[in-house]
Amino acid sequence: MIDFKLPEIGEGVTEATIVQWNFSAGDRFTEGDVLVEIMTDKVNVEVEAEMSGTLDAILAKADDEVRVGAVIARIQPESGGPHS
């Protein structure tokens, strides 16, 4: 299991709001898929998956404000990948 954290979005940005998840818990995704859309006071960002796997749990829901680096979901990587 891997913690999926809110990435750094830009210089000086310390938090963002979850706009929407494009997958539900239990859904499989592939590397490059947009997992979640987030919004800051400056920009909207689509966060892509860095690996293929399954979205195990969503910890930050739509409209939640979260700090950069906070765990927003848990991912089960595909077996045989570099993180399994």
C-alpha atoms as a PDB file:
ATOM      1  CA  MET A   1       0.000   0.000   0.000  1.00  0.00           C
ATOM      2  CA  ILE A   2       1.294   3.465  -0.892  1.00  0.00           C
ATOM      3  CA  ASP A   3       0.243   6.799   0.571  1.00  0.00           C
ATOM      4  CA  PHE A   4      -0.831   9.167  -2.211  1.00  0.00           C
ATOM      5  CA  LYS A   5       0.048  12.688  -1.076  1.00  0.00           C
ATOM      6  CA  LEU A   6      -1.040  16.081  -2.334  1.00  0.00           C
ATOM      7  CA  PRO A   7       1.935  17.133  -4.454  1.00  0.00           C
ATOM      8  CA  GLU A   8       3.674  20.487  -4.435  1.00  0.00           C
ATOM      9  CA  ILE A   9       1.745  22.640  -6.875  1.00  0.00           C
ATOM     10  CA  GLY A  10       3.800  25.788  -7.064  1.00  0.00           C
ATOM     11  CA  GLU A  11       6.027  28.095  -5.128  1.00  0.00           C
ATOM     12  CA  GLY A  12       4.279  29.485  -2.055  1.00  0.00           C
ATOM     13  CA  VAL A  13       1.247  27.189  -2.391  1.00  0.00           C
ATOM     14  CA  THR A  14       0.671  25.413   0.921  1.00  0.00           C
ATOM     15  CA  GLU A  15      -2.830  23.993   0.485  1.00  0.00           C
ATOM     16  CA  ALA A  16      -5.430  23.146  -2.115  1.00  0.00           C
ATOM     17  CA  THR A  17      -9.072  22.121  -2.350  1.00  0.00           C
ATOM     18  CA  ILE A  18     -10.096  18.770  -3.791  1.00  0.00           C
ATOM     19  CA  VAL A  19     -12.400  19.489  -6.748  1.00  0.00           C
ATOM     20  CA  GLN A  20     -13.203  15.914  -7.736  1.00  0.00           C
ATOM     21  CA  TRP A  21     -11.857  12.397  -7.884  1.00  0.00           C
ATOM     22  CA  ASN A  22     -12.042  10.755 -11.309  1.00  0.00           C
ATOM     23  CA  PHE A  23     -11.974   7.269  -9.786  1.00  0.00           C
ATOM     24  CA  SER A  24     -13.756   5.661  -6.838  1.00  0.00           C
ATOM     25  CA  ALA A  25     -12.275   3.406  -4.173  1.00  0.00           C
ATOM     26  CA  GLY A  26     -11.697  -0.010  -5.702  1.00  0.00           C
ATOM     27  CA  ASP A  27     -11.226   1.331  -9.245  1.00  0.00           C
ATOM     28  CA  ARG A  28      -8.153   0.380 -11.276  1.00  0.00           C
ATOM     29  CA  PHE A  29      -6.195   3.058 -13.092  1.00  0.00           C
ATOM     30  CA  THR A  30      -3.134   3.210 -15.310  1.00  0.00           C
ATOM     31  CA  GLU A  31      -0.059   5.408 -15.215  1.00  0.00           C
ATOM     32  CA  GLY A  32      -0.894   8.840 -16.622  1.00  0.00           C
ATOM     33  CA  ASP A  33      -4.601   8.727 -15.747  1.00  0.00           C
ATOM     34  CA  VAL A  34      -5.852  11.862 -13.993  1.00  0.00           C
ATOM     35  CA  LEU A  35      -6.723  10.642 -10.494  1.00  0.00           C
ATOM     36  CA  VAL A  36      -7.855  13.880  -8.894  1.00  0.00           C
ATOM     37  CA  GLU A  37      -8.501  17.505  -9.774  1.00  0.00           C
ATOM     38  CA  ILE A  38      -7.447  20.131  -7.249  1.00  0.00           C
ATOM     39  CA  MET A  39      -7.801  23.890  -7.007  1.00  0.00           C
ATOM     40  CA  THR A  40      -5.683  26.572  -5.367  1.00  0.00           C
ATOM     41  CA  ASP A  41      -6.295  30.295  -5.209  1.00  0.00           C
ATOM     42  CA  LYS A  42      -4.088  30.578  -8.319  1.00  0.00           C
ATOM     43  CA  VAL A  43      -4.648  27.519 -10.498  1.00  0.00           C
ATOM     44  CA  ASN A  44      -6.596  24.314 -11.115  1.00  0.00           C
ATOM     45  CA  VAL A  45      -4.432  21.203 -11.484  1.00  0.00           C
ATOM     46  CA  GLU A  46      -5.061  17.665 -12.718  1.00  0.00           C
ATOM     47  CA  VAL A  47      -2.915  15.223 -10.738  1.00  0.00           C
ATOM     48  CA  GLU A  48      -1.880  12.179 -12.768  1.00  0.00           C
ATOM     49  CA  ALA A  49      -1.034   8.701 -11.526  1.00  0.00           C
ATOM     50  CA  GLU A  50       2.685   7.977 -11.504  1.00  0.00           C
ATOM     51  CA  MET A  51       2.041   4.222 -11.674  1.00  0.00           C
ATOM     52  CA  SER A  52      -0.735   1.768 -12.467  1.00  0.00           C
ATOM     53  CA  GLY A  53      -2.750   0.293  -9.625  1.00  0.00           C
ATOM     54  CA  THR A  54      -5.985   0.358  -7.652  1.00  0.00           C
ATOM     55  CA  LEU A  55      -7.361   3.270  -5.666  1.00  0.00           C
ATOM     56  CA  ASP A  56      -7.731   1.569  -2.296  1.00  0.00           C
ATOM     57  CA  ALA A  57      -9.136   4.427  -0.177  1.00  0.00           C
ATOM     58  CA  ILE A  58      -9.953   8.108  -0.630  1.00  0.00           C
ATOM     59  CA  LEU A  59      -9.044  10.074   2.497  1.00  0.00           C
ATOM     60  CA  ALA A  60      -9.806  13.622   1.278  1.00  0.00           C
ATOM     61  CA  LYS A  61     -13.210  14.162  -0.299  1.00  0.00           C
ATOM     62  CA  ALA A  62     -14.423  16.808  -2.763  1.00  0.00           C
ATOM     63  CA  ASP A  63     -14.433  20.302  -1.201  1.00  0.00           C
ATOM     64  CA  ASP A  64     -11.898  19.288   1.489  1.00  0.00           C
ATOM     65  CA  GLU A  65      -9.002  21.707   1.952  1.00  0.00           C
ATOM     66  CA  VAL A  66      -5.726  19.844   2.367  1.00  0.00           C
ATOM     67  CA  ARG A  67      -2.138  20.851   2.972  1.00  0.00           C
ATOM     68  CA  VAL A  68       0.619  20.043   0.493  1.00  0.00           C
ATOM     69  CA  GLY A  69       2.167  16.724   1.519  1.00  0.00           C
ATOM     70  CA  ALA A  70      -0.984  15.464   3.268  1.00  0.00           C
ATOM     71  CA  VAL A  71      -2.065  11.902   2.471  1.00  0.00           C
ATOM     72  CA  ILE A  72      -5.229  12.178   0.364  1.00  0.00           C
ATOM     73  CA  ALA A  73      -5.603   8.529  -0.720  1.00  0.00           C
ATOM     74  CA  ARG A  74      -4.064   5.078  -0.490  1.00  0.00           C
ATOM     75  CA  ILE A  75      -3.036   3.170  -3.584  1.00  0.00           C
ATOM     76  CA  GLN A  76      -2.364  -0.513  -4.144  1.00  0.00           C
ATOM     77  CA  PRO A  77       0.260  -0.623  -6.908  1.00  0.00           C
ATOM     78  CA  GLU A  78       0.007  -3.210  -9.655  1.00  0.00           C
ATOM     79  CA  SER A  79       1.997  -6.291  -8.703  1.00  0.00           C
ATOM     80  CA  GLY A  80       5.332  -6.491 -10.397  1.00  0.00           C
ATOM     81  CA  GLY A  81       5.723  -2.698 -10.442  1.00  0.00           C
ATOM     82  CA  PRO A  82       8.594  -0.823  -8.825  1.00  0.00           C
ATOM     83  CA  HIS A  83       6.580  -0.023  -5.676  1.00  0.00           C
ATOM     84  CA  SER A  84       5.081  -3.437  -4.957  1.00  0.00           C
END
